[in-house]
Amino acid sequence: MRVLIPSALHSYTGRAWVAAEGATVAAVLDDLDRQFPGIRFRMVDEQGQIRRHIRLFFRNEMLFDLAAPLPADGELCIVQALSGG
Protein backbone atom coordinates (compact mmCIF):
# COMPACT_ATOMS: atom_id res chain seq x y z
CA MET A 1 0.00 0.00 0.00
CA ARG A 2 1.09 3.55 -0.66
CA VAL A 3 1.22 5.83 2.38
CA LEU A 4 1.22 9.61 2.23
CA ILE A 5 3.46 11.04 4.94
CA PRO A 6 2.81 14.58 6.22
CA SER A 7 5.59 17.06 5.50
CA ALA A 8 6.39 17.42 9.21
CA LEU A 9 7.50 13.75 9.19
CA HIS A 10 9.54 13.84 5.98
CA SER A 11 12.66 14.03 8.15
CA TYR A 12 12.01 10.33 8.87
CA THR A 13 11.18 9.19 5.33
CA GLY A 14 12.90 11.70 3.08
CA ARG A 15 9.86 11.76 0.80
CA ALA A 16 6.08 12.19 0.76
CA TRP A 17 5.03 8.73 -0.49
CA VAL A 18 6.31 5.45 0.91
CA ALA A 19 5.23 1.81 0.72
CA ALA A 20 4.13 -0.18 3.75
CA GLU A 21 2.44 -3.49 4.42
CA GLY A 22 -0.08 -4.64 6.98
CA ALA A 23 -3.61 -5.95 7.35
CA THR A 24 -4.60 -3.27 9.90
CA VAL A 25 -3.77 0.38 10.57
CA ALA A 26 -1.56 -0.71 13.48
CA ALA A 27 0.33 -3.18 11.29
CA VAL A 28 0.96 -0.55 8.60
CA LEU A 29 2.23 1.90 11.24
CA ASP A 30 4.45 -0.85 12.69
CA ASP A 31 5.87 -1.52 9.23
CA LEU A 32 6.53 2.20 8.78
CA ASP A 33 8.34 2.22 12.13
CA ARG A 34 10.42 -0.77 11.07
CA GLN A 35 11.49 1.11 7.95
CA PHE A 36 11.73 4.56 9.56
CA PRO A 37 12.51 4.10 13.28
CA GLY A 38 10.68 6.51 15.57
CA ILE A 39 7.96 7.59 13.13
CA ARG A 40 5.18 5.60 14.84
CA PHE A 41 5.67 7.45 18.14
CA ARG A 42 4.99 10.72 16.32
CA MET A 43 1.54 9.36 15.34
CA VAL A 44 0.57 7.08 18.25
CA ASP A 45 0.82 8.03 21.94
CA GLU A 46 1.99 6.01 24.95
CA GLN A 47 -1.54 4.66 25.49
CA GLY A 48 -1.68 3.26 21.97
CA GLN A 49 -4.09 5.93 20.70
CA ILE A 50 -3.77 7.99 17.54
CA ARG A 51 -2.45 11.40 18.59
CA ARG A 52 -4.96 14.29 18.59
CA HIS A 53 -3.22 16.17 15.80
CA ILE A 54 -3.00 13.16 13.45
CA ARG A 55 -5.76 12.10 11.06
CA LEU A 56 -5.70 8.92 9.00
CA PHE A 57 -7.77 8.53 5.83
CA PHE A 58 -8.37 5.52 3.62
CA ARG A 59 -10.65 5.83 0.60
CA ASN A 60 -11.87 9.23 1.82
CA GLU A 61 -12.95 7.84 5.21
CA MET A 62 -11.31 8.92 8.45
CA LEU A 63 -10.01 6.04 10.54
CA PHE A 64 -10.15 6.18 14.33
CA ASP A 65 -9.21 2.64 15.32
CA LEU A 66 -5.73 1.16 15.00
CA ALA A 67 -7.37 -2.26 14.65
CA ALA A 68 -9.29 -1.16 11.52
CA PRO A 69 -8.63 -3.57 8.66
CA LEU A 70 -6.93 -2.30 5.52
CA PRO A 71 -6.84 -4.03 2.14
CA ALA A 72 -3.42 -4.42 0.55
CA ASP A 73 -4.24 -2.04 -2.29
CA GLY A 74 -5.00 1.64 -2.03
CA GLU A 75 -3.53 4.62 -0.26
CA LEU A 76 -3.43 5.53 3.40
CA CYS A 77 -3.17 9.29 3.86
CA ILE A 78 -1.69 10.56 7.10
CA VAL A 79 -2.53 14.19 7.77
CA GLN A 80 -1.11 16.33 10.53
CA ALA A 81 -3.20 19.22 11.84
CA LEU A 82 -1.54 22.62 11.97
CA SER A 83 -1.88 24.96 14.88
CA GLY A 84 -0.38 28.17 16.01
CA GLY A 85 -1.19 31.69 16.79
PDB file of N, CA and C in Angstrom:
ATOM      1  N   MET A   1       0.847  -1.173   0.000  1.00  0.00           N
ATOM      2  CA  MET A   1       0.000   0.000   0.000  1.00  0.00           C
ATOM      3  C   MET A   1       0.886   1.228   0.000  1.00  0.00           C
ATOM      4  N   ARG A   2       0.397   2.253  -0.673  1.00  0.00           N
ATOM      5  CA  ARG A   2       1.089   3.548  -0.661  1.00  0.00           C
ATOM      6  C   ARG A   2       0.610   4.336   0.550  1.00  0.00           C
ATOM      7  N   VAL A   3       1.545   5.032   1.195  1.00  0.00           N
ATOM      8  CA  VAL A   3       1.221   5.825   2.378  1.00  0.00           C
ATOM      9  C   VAL A   3       1.740   7.236   2.159  1.00  0.00           C
ATOM     10  N   LEU A   4       0.848   8.207   2.314  1.00  0.00           N
ATOM     11  CA  LEU A   4       1.222   9.614   2.226  1.00  0.00           C
ATOM     12  C   LEU A   4       1.657  10.081   3.602  1.00  0.00           C
ATOM     13  N   ILE A   5       2.862  10.585   3.676  1.00  0.00           N
ATOM     14  CA  ILE A   5       3.458  11.043   4.938  1.00  0.00           C
ATOM     15  C   ILE A   5       3.358  12.564   4.998  1.00  0.00           C
ATOM     16  N   PRO A   6       2.889  13.116   6.127  1.00  0.00           N
ATOM     17  CA  PRO A   6       2.813  14.578   6.222  1.00  0.00           C
ATOM     18  C   PRO A   6       4.209  15.204   6.185  1.00  0.00           C
ATOM     19  N   SER A   7       4.288  16.412   5.676  1.00  0.00           N
ATOM     20  CA  SER A   7       5.591  17.062   5.500  1.00  0.00           C
ATOM     21  C   SER A   7       6.375  17.180   6.801  1.00  0.00           C
ATOM     22  N   ALA A   8       5.687  17.308   7.923  1.00  0.00           N
ATOM     23  CA  ALA A   8       6.390  17.417   9.207  1.00  0.00           C
ATOM     24  C   ALA A   8       7.156  16.136   9.555  1.00  0.00           C
ATOM     25  N   LEU A   9       6.824  15.028   8.911  1.00  0.00           N
ATOM     26  CA  LEU A   9       7.501  13.752   9.190  1.00  0.00           C
ATOM     27  C   LEU A   9       8.424  13.314   8.056  1.00  0.00           C
ATOM     28  N   HIS A  10       8.631  14.176   7.076  1.00  0.00           N
ATOM     29  CA  HIS A  10       9.538  13.841   5.985  1.00  0.00           C
ATOM     30  C   HIS A  10      10.975  13.674   6.462  1.00  0.00           C
ATOM     31  N   SER A  11      11.304  14.217   7.622  1.00  0.00           N
ATOM     32  CA  SER A  11      12.661  14.026   8.149  1.00  0.00           C
ATOM     33  C   SER A  11      12.924  12.550   8.442  1.00  0.00           C
ATOM     34  N   TYR A  12      11.867  11.774   8.658  1.00  0.00           N
ATOM     35  CA  TYR A  12      12.010  10.330   8.872  1.00  0.00           C
ATOM     36  C   TYR A  12      12.128   9.584   7.547  1.00  0.00           C
ATOM     37  N   THR A  13      11.289   9.960   6.574  1.00  0.00           N
ATOM     38  CA  THR A  13      11.178   9.186   5.333  1.00  0.00           C
ATOM     39  C   THR A  13      11.975   9.761   4.168  1.00  0.00           C
ATOM     40  N   GLY A  14      12.201  11.063   4.175  1.00  0.00           N
ATOM     41  CA  GLY A  14      12.896  11.704   3.079  1.00  0.00           C
ATOM     42  C   GLY A  14      12.035  11.948   1.851  1.00  0.00           C
ATOM     43  N   ARG A  15      10.773  11.589   1.935  1.00  0.00           N
ATOM     44  CA  ARG A  15       9.862  11.761   0.800  1.00  0.00           C
ATOM     45  C   ARG A  15       8.415  11.704   1.276  1.00  0.00           C
ATOM     46  N   ALA A  16       7.495  12.120   0.398  1.00  0.00           N
ATOM     47  CA  ALA A  16       6.078  12.185   0.758  1.00  0.00           C
ATOM     48  C   ALA A  16       5.375  10.837   0.684  1.00  0.00           C
ATOM     49  N   TRP A  17       5.700  10.028  -0.296  1.00  0.00           N
ATOM     50  CA  TRP A  17       5.032   8.732  -0.489  1.00  0.00           C
ATOM     51  C   TRP A  17       5.993   7.600  -0.187  1.00  0.00           C
ATOM     52  N   VAL A  18       5.528   6.639   0.597  1.00  0.00           N
ATOM     53  CA  VAL A  18       6.308   5.449   0.913  1.00  0.00           C
ATOM     54  C   VAL A  18       5.404   4.230   0.774  1.00  0.00           C
ATOM     55  N   ALA A  19       5.991   3.064   0.767  1.00  0.00           N
ATOM     56  CA  ALA A  19       5.231   1.813   0.715  1.00  0.00           C
ATOM     57  C   ALA A  19       5.298   1.142   2.081  1.00  0.00           C
ATOM     58  N   ALA A  20       4.176   0.556   2.487  1.00  0.00           N
ATOM     59  CA  ALA A  20       4.128  -0.179   3.754  1.00  0.00           C
ATOM     60  C   ALA A  20       3.140  -1.323   3.604  1.00  0.00           C
ATOM     61  N   GLU A  21       3.312  -2.323   4.449  1.00  0.00           N
ATOM     62  CA  GLU A  21       2.442  -3.487   4.418  1.00  0.00           C
ATOM     63  C   GLU A  21       1.787  -3.679   5.772  1.00  0.00           C
ATOM     64  N   GLY A  22       0.621  -4.307   5.752  1.00  0.00           N
ATOM     65  CA  GLY A  22      -0.076  -4.639   6.985  1.00  0.00           C
ATOM     66  C   GLY A  22      -1.550  -4.798   6.740  1.00  0.00           C
ATOM     67  N   ALA A  23      -2.182  -5.677   7.502  1.00  0.00           N
ATOM     68  CA  ALA A  23      -3.611  -5.949   7.347  1.00  0.00           C
ATOM     69  C   ALA A  23      -4.478  -4.997   8.160  1.00  0.00           C
ATOM     70  N   THR A  24      -3.867  -4.237   9.078  1.00  0.00           N
ATOM     71  CA  THR A  24      -4.596  -3.268   9.899  1.00  0.00           C
ATOM     72  C   THR A  24      -3.816  -1.956   9.919  1.00  0.00           C
ATOM     73  N   VAL A  25      -4.458  -0.914  10.420  1.00  0.00           N
ATOM     74  CA  VAL A  25      -3.775   0.375  10.566  1.00  0.00           C
ATOM     75  C   VAL A  25      -2.537   0.203  11.438  1.00  0.00           C
ATOM     76  N   ALA A  26      -2.687  -0.498  12.564  1.00  0.00           N
ATOM     77  CA  ALA A  26      -1.564  -0.707  13.483  1.00  0.00           C
ATOM     78  C   ALA A  26      -0.411  -1.420  12.784  1.00  0.00           C
ATOM     79  N   ALA A  27      -0.717  -2.431  11.986  1.00  0.00           N
ATOM     80  CA  ALA A  27       0.327  -3.184  11.294  1.00  0.00           C
ATOM     81  C   ALA A  27       1.054  -2.317  10.271  1.00  0.00           C
ATOM     82  N   VAL A  28       0.327  -1.460   9.569  1.00  0.00           N
ATOM     83  CA  VAL A  28       0.958  -0.548   8.604  1.00  0.00           C
ATOM     84  C   VAL A  28       1.873   0.433   9.348  1.00  0.00           C
ATOM     85  N   LEU A  29       1.399   0.981  10.468  1.00  0.00           N
ATOM     86  CA  LEU A  29       2.233   1.905  11.235  1.00  0.00           C
ATOM     87  C   LEU A  29       3.455   1.190  11.807  1.00  0.00           C
ATOM     88  N   ASP A  30       3.303  -0.066  12.209  1.00  0.00           N
ATOM     89  CA  ASP A  30       4.446  -0.851  12.687  1.00  0.00           C
ATOM     90  C   ASP A  30       5.463  -1.061  11.572  1.00  0.00           C
ATOM     91  N   ASP A  31       4.963  -1.338  10.358  1.00  0.00           N
ATOM     92  CA  ASP A  31       5.871  -1.517   9.232  1.00  0.00           C
ATOM     93  C   ASP A  31       6.593  -0.209   8.905  1.00  0.00           C
ATOM     94  N   LEU A  32       5.876   0.901   8.986  1.00  0.00           N
ATOM     95  CA  LEU A  32       6.531   2.197   8.779  1.00  0.00           C
ATOM     96  C   LEU A  32       7.633   2.409   9.817  1.00  0.00           C
ATOM     97  N   ASP A  33       7.353   2.037  11.066  1.00  0.00           N
ATOM     98  CA  ASP A  33       8.340   2.219  12.129  1.00  0.00           C
ATOM     99  C   ASP A  33       9.546   1.293  11.935  1.00  0.00           C
ATOM    100  N   ARG A  34       9.311   0.133  11.367  1.00  0.00           N
ATOM    101  CA  ARG A  34      10.423  -0.770  11.066  1.00  0.00           C
ATOM    102  C   ARG A  34      11.340  -0.144  10.017  1.00  0.00           C
ATOM    103  N   GLN A  35      10.715   0.483   9.019  1.00  0.00           N
ATOM    104  CA  GLN A  35      11.490   1.115   7.947  1.00  0.00           C
ATOM    105  C   GLN A  35      12.095   2.453   8.350  1.00  0.00           C
ATOM    106  N   PHE A  36      11.345   3.196   9.177  1.00  0.00           N
ATOM    107  CA  PHE A  36      11.731   4.560   9.558  1.00  0.00           C
ATOM    108  C   PHE A  36      11.617   4.674  11.079  1.00  0.00           C
ATOM    109  N   PRO A  37      12.602   4.159  11.817  1.00  0.00           N
ATOM    110  CA  PRO A  37      12.512   4.096  13.279  1.00  0.00           C
ATOM    111  C   PRO A  37      12.132   5.434  13.920  1.00  0.00           C
ATOM    112  N   GLY A  38      11.138   5.346  14.819  1.00  0.00           N
ATOM    113  CA  GLY A  38      10.684   6.511  15.566  1.00  0.00           C
ATOM    114  C   GLY A  38       9.451   7.185  15.006  1.00  0.00           C
ATOM    115  N   ILE A  39       9.088   6.884  13.760  1.00  0.00           N
ATOM    116  CA  ILE A  39       7.965   7.592  13.133  1.00  0.00           C
ATOM    117  C   ILE A  39       6.632   7.246  13.801  1.00  0.00           C
ATOM    118  N   ARG A  40       6.455   5.999  14.246  1.00  0.00           N
ATOM    119  CA  ARG A  40       5.175   5.598  14.844  1.00  0.00           C
ATOM    120  C   ARG A  40       4.863   6.427  16.087  1.00  0.00           C
ATOM    121  N   PHE A  41       5.880   6.686  16.913  1.00  0.00           N
ATOM    122  CA  PHE A  41       5.669   7.453  18.140  1.00  0.00           C
ATOM    123  C   PHE A  41       5.180   8.863  17.849  1.00  0.00           C
ATOM    124  N   ARG A  42       5.475   9.390  16.696  1.00  0.00           N
ATOM    125  CA  ARG A  42       4.988  10.720  16.321  1.00  0.00           C
ATOM    126  C   ARG A  42       3.507  10.708  15.975  1.00  0.00           C
ATOM    127  N   MET A  43       2.950   9.488  15.734  1.00  0.00           N
ATOM    128  CA  MET A  43       1.542   9.359  15.343  1.00  0.00           C
ATOM    129  C   MET A  43       0.680   8.670  16.397  1.00  0.00           C
ATOM    130  N   VAL A  44       1.304   7.857  17.239  1.00  0.00           N
ATOM    131  CA  VAL A  44       0.572   7.079  18.255  1.00  0.00           C
ATOM    132  C   VAL A  44       1.185   7.379  19.616  1.00  0.00           C
ATOM    133  N   ASP A  45       0.326   7.667  20.609  1.00  0.00           N
ATOM    134  CA  ASP A  45       0.821   8.031  21.937  1.00  0.00           C
ATOM    135  C   ASP A  45       1.161   6.805  22.789  1.00  0.00           C
ATOM    136  N   GLU A  46       1.571   7.057  24.024  1.00  0.00           N
ATOM    137  CA  GLU A  46       1.992   6.006  24.946  1.00  0.00           C
ATOM    138  C   GLU A  46       0.856   5.059  25.328  1.00  0.00           C
ATOM    139  N   GLN A  47      -0.378   5.495  25.187  1.00  0.00           N
ATOM    140  CA  GLN A  47      -1.539   4.658  25.493  1.00  0.00           C
ATOM    141  C   GLN A  47      -2.024   3.880  24.267  1.00  0.00           C
ATOM    142  N   GLY A  48      -1.306   3.975  23.180  1.00  0.00           N
ATOM    143  CA  GLY A  48      -1.685   3.260  21.968  1.00  0.00           C
ATOM    144  C   GLY A  48      -2.834   3.894  21.216  1.00  0.00           C
ATOM    145  N   GLN A  49      -3.024   5.191  21.381  1.00  0.00           N
ATOM    146  CA  GLN A  49      -4.090   5.929  20.705  1.00  0.00           C
ATOM    147  C   GLN A  49      -3.480   6.849  19.642  1.00  0.00           C
ATOM    148  N   ILE A  50      -4.219   7.050  18.566  1.00  0.00           N
ATOM    149  CA  ILE A  50      -3.773   7.989  17.543  1.00  0.00           C
ATOM    150  C   ILE A  50      -3.716   9.385  18.168  1.00  0.00           C
ATOM    151  N   ARG A  51      -2.616  10.063  17.987  1.00  0.00           N
ATOM    152  CA  ARG A  51      -2.454  11.403  18.592  1.00  0.00           C
ATOM    153  C   ARG A  51      -3.516  12.367  18.059  1.00  0.00           C
ATOM    154  N   ARG A  52      -3.879  13.341  18.899  1.00  0.00           N
ATOM    155  CA  ARG A  52      -4.958  14.285  18.590  1.00  0.00           C
ATOM    156  C   ARG A  52      -4.740  15.054  17.299  1.00  0.00           C
ATOM    157  N   HIS A  53      -3.506  15.348  16.973  1.00  0.00           N
ATOM    158  CA  HIS A  53      -3.219  16.169  15.802  1.00  0.00           C
ATOM    159  C   HIS A  53      -3.002  15.348  14.528  1.00  0.00           C
ATOM    160  N   ILE A  54      -3.188  14.041  14.598  1.00  0.00           N
ATOM    161  CA  ILE A  54      -3.001  13.158  13.446  1.00  0.00           C
ATOM    162  C   ILE A  54      -4.355  12.652  12.960  1.00  0.00           C
ATOM    163  N   ARG A  55      -4.558  12.664  11.670  1.00  0.00           N
ATOM    164  CA  ARG A  55      -5.764  12.102  11.055  1.00  0.00           C
ATOM    165  C   ARG A  55      -5.321  11.102   9.996  1.00  0.00           C
ATOM    166  N   LEU A  56      -5.992   9.968   9.971  1.00  0.00           N
ATOM    167  CA  LEU A  56      -5.702   8.918   9.003  1.00  0.00           C
ATOM    168  C   LEU A  56      -6.914   8.735   8.102  1.00  0.00           C
ATOM    169  N   PHE A  57      -6.681   8.694   6.799  1.00  0.00           N
ATOM    170  CA  PHE A  57      -7.769   8.533   5.835  1.00  0.00           C
ATOM    171  C   PHE A  57      -7.452   7.385   4.886  1.00  0.00           C
ATOM    172  N   PHE A  58      -8.461   6.564   4.631  1.00  0.00           N
ATOM    173  CA  PHE A  58      -8.366   5.521   3.623  1.00  0.00           C
ATOM    174  C   PHE A  58      -9.647   5.561   2.811  1.00  0.00           C
ATOM    175  N   ARG A  59      -9.495   5.714   1.513  1.00  0.00           N
ATOM    176  CA  ARG A  59     -10.650   5.826   0.605  1.00  0.00           C
ATOM    177  C   ARG A  59     -11.642   6.893   1.083  1.00  0.00           C
ATOM    178  N   ASN A  60     -11.098   8.051   1.413  1.00  0.00           N
ATOM    179  CA  ASN A  60     -11.870   9.233   1.825  1.00  0.00           C
ATOM    180  C   ASN A  60     -12.634   9.050   3.127  1.00  0.00           C
ATOM    181  N   GLU A  61     -12.317   8.029   3.914  1.00  0.00           N
ATOM    182  CA  GLU A  61     -12.945   7.837   5.213  1.00  0.00           C
ATOM    183  C   GLU A  61     -11.885   7.973   6.298  1.00  0.00           C
ATOM    184  N   MET A  62     -12.237   8.758   7.345  1.00  0.00           N
ATOM    185  CA  MET A  62     -11.311   8.923   8.450  1.00  0.00           C
ATOM    186  C   MET A  62     -11.327   7.665   9.310  1.00  0.00           C
ATOM    187  N   LEU A  63     -10.151   7.216   9.697  1.00  0.00           N
ATOM    188  CA  LEU A  63     -10.007   6.036  10.537  1.00  0.00           C
ATOM    189  C   LEU A  63      -9.697   6.472  11.957  1.00  0.00           C
ATOM    190  N   PHE A  64     -10.357   5.835  12.922  1.00  0.00           N
ATOM    191  CA  PHE A  64     -10.154   6.181  14.332  1.00  0.00           C
ATOM    192  C   PHE A  64      -9.538   5.038  15.127  1.00  0.00           C
ATOM    193  N   ASP A  65      -9.595   3.834  14.592  1.00  0.00           N
ATOM    194  CA  ASP A  65      -9.214   2.636  15.320  1.00  0.00           C
ATOM    195  C   ASP A  65      -7.972   2.013  14.697  1.00  0.00           C
ATOM    196  N   LEU A  66      -6.948   1.784  15.507  1.00  0.00           N
ATOM    197  CA  LEU A  66      -5.734   1.159  15.000  1.00  0.00           C
ATOM    198  C   LEU A  66      -5.983  -0.271  14.544  1.00  0.00           C
ATOM    199  N   ALA A  67      -7.050  -0.885  15.035  1.00  0.00           N
ATOM    200  CA  ALA A  67      -7.374  -2.259  14.647  1.00  0.00           C
ATOM    201  C   ALA A  67      -8.184  -2.321  13.354  1.00  0.00           C
ATOM    202  N   ALA A  68      -8.500  -1.178  12.756  1.00  0.00           N
ATOM    203  CA  ALA A  68      -9.289  -1.158  11.520  1.00  0.00           C
ATOM    204  C   ALA A  68      -8.557  -1.919  10.424  1.00  0.00           C
ATOM    205  N   PRO A  69      -9.274  -2.809   9.733  1.00  0.00           N
ATOM    206  CA  PRO A  69      -8.629  -3.566   8.655  1.00  0.00           C
ATOM    207  C   PRO A  69      -8.363  -2.687   7.438  1.00  0.00           C
ATOM    208  N   LEU A  70      -7.287  -3.015   6.746  1.00  0.00           N
ATOM    209  CA  LEU A  70      -6.927  -2.304   5.516  1.00  0.00           C
ATOM    210  C   LEU A  70      -6.635  -3.324   4.429  1.00  0.00           C
ATOM    211  N   PRO A  71      -7.219  -3.148   3.243  1.00  0.00           N
ATOM    212  CA  PRO A  71      -6.842  -4.029   2.135  1.00  0.00           C
ATOM    213  C   PRO A  71      -5.425  -3.684   1.672  1.00  0.00           C
ATOM    214  N   ALA A  72      -4.810  -4.611   0.976  1.00  0.00           N
ATOM    215  CA  ALA A  72      -3.418  -4.420   0.550  1.00  0.00           C
ATOM    216  C   ALA A  72      -3.266  -3.332  -0.504  1.00  0.00           C
ATOM    217  N   ASP A  73      -4.330  -3.064  -1.255  1.00  0.00           N
ATOM    218  CA  ASP A  73      -4.237  -2.036  -2.291  1.00  0.00           C
ATOM    219  C   ASP A  73      -4.781  -0.721  -1.754  1.00  0.00           C
ATOM    220  N   GLY A  74      -4.474   0.336  -2.426  1.00  0.00           N
ATOM    221  CA  GLY A  74      -4.996   1.640  -2.026  1.00  0.00           C
ATOM    222  C   GLY A  74      -3.936   2.515  -1.398  1.00  0.00           C
ATOM    223  N   GLU A  75      -4.422   3.618  -0.853  1.00  0.00           N
ATOM    224  CA  GLU A  75      -3.532   4.619  -0.264  1.00  0.00           C
ATOM    225  C   GLU A  75      -4.040   5.029   1.112  1.00  0.00           C
ATOM    226  N   LEU A  76      -3.157   5.015   2.066  1.00  0.00           N
ATOM    227  CA  LEU A  76      -3.429   5.528   3.401  1.00  0.00           C
ATOM    228  C   LEU A  76      -2.825   6.916   3.468  1.00  0.00           C
ATOM    229  N   CYS A  77      -3.646   7.906   3.764  1.00  0.00           N
ATOM    230  CA  CYS A  77      -3.172   9.288   3.860  1.00  0.00           C
ATOM    231  C   CYS A  77      -3.084   9.684   5.321  1.00  0.00           C
ATOM    232  N   ILE A  78      -1.910  10.089   5.736  1.00  0.00           N
ATOM    233  CA  ILE A  78      -1.690  10.562   7.099  1.00  0.00           C
ATOM    234  C   ILE A  78      -1.604  12.070   7.029  1.00  0.00           C
ATOM    235  N   VAL A  79      -2.462  12.730   7.791  1.00  0.00           N
ATOM    236  CA  VAL A  79      -2.530  14.186   7.772  1.00  0.00           C
ATOM    237  C   VAL A  79      -2.250  14.701   9.175  1.00  0.00           C
ATOM    238  N   GLN A  80      -1.429  15.725   9.256  1.00  0.00           N
ATOM    239  CA  GLN A  80      -1.109  16.328  10.530  1.00  0.00           C
ATOM    240  C   GLN A  80      -1.757  17.701  10.598  1.00  0.00           C
ATOM    241  N   ALA A  81      -2.545  17.927  11.648  1.00  0.00           N
ATOM    242  CA  ALA A  81      -3.198  19.220  11.840  1.00  0.00           C
ATOM    243  C   ALA A  81      -2.149  20.282  12.147  1.00  0.00           C
ATOM    244  N   LEU A  82      -2.405  21.477  11.694  1.00  0.00           N
ATOM    245  CA  LEU A  82      -1.538  22.617  11.972  1.00  0.00           C
ATOM    246  C   LEU A  82      -2.178  23.484  13.033  1.00  0.00           C
ATOM    247  N   SER A  83      -1.361  24.054  13.871  1.00  0.00           N
ATOM    248  CA  SER A  83      -1.878  24.961  14.881  1.00  0.00           C
ATOM    249  C   SER A  83      -0.859  26.081  15.074  1.00  0.00           C
ATOM    250  N   GLY A  84      -1.286  27.064  15.771  1.00  0.00           N
ATOM    251  CA  GLY A  84      -0.384  28.169  16.014  1.00  0.00           C
ATOM    252  C   GLY A  84      -1.184  29.428  16.302  1.00  0.00           C
ATOM    253  N   GLY A  85      -0.489  30.485  16.464  1.00  0.00           N
ATOM    254  CA  GLY A  85      -1.190  31.692  16.790  1.00  0.00           C
ATOM    255  C   GLY A  85      -0.559  32.891  16.160  1.00  0.00           C
TER     256      GLY A  85
END
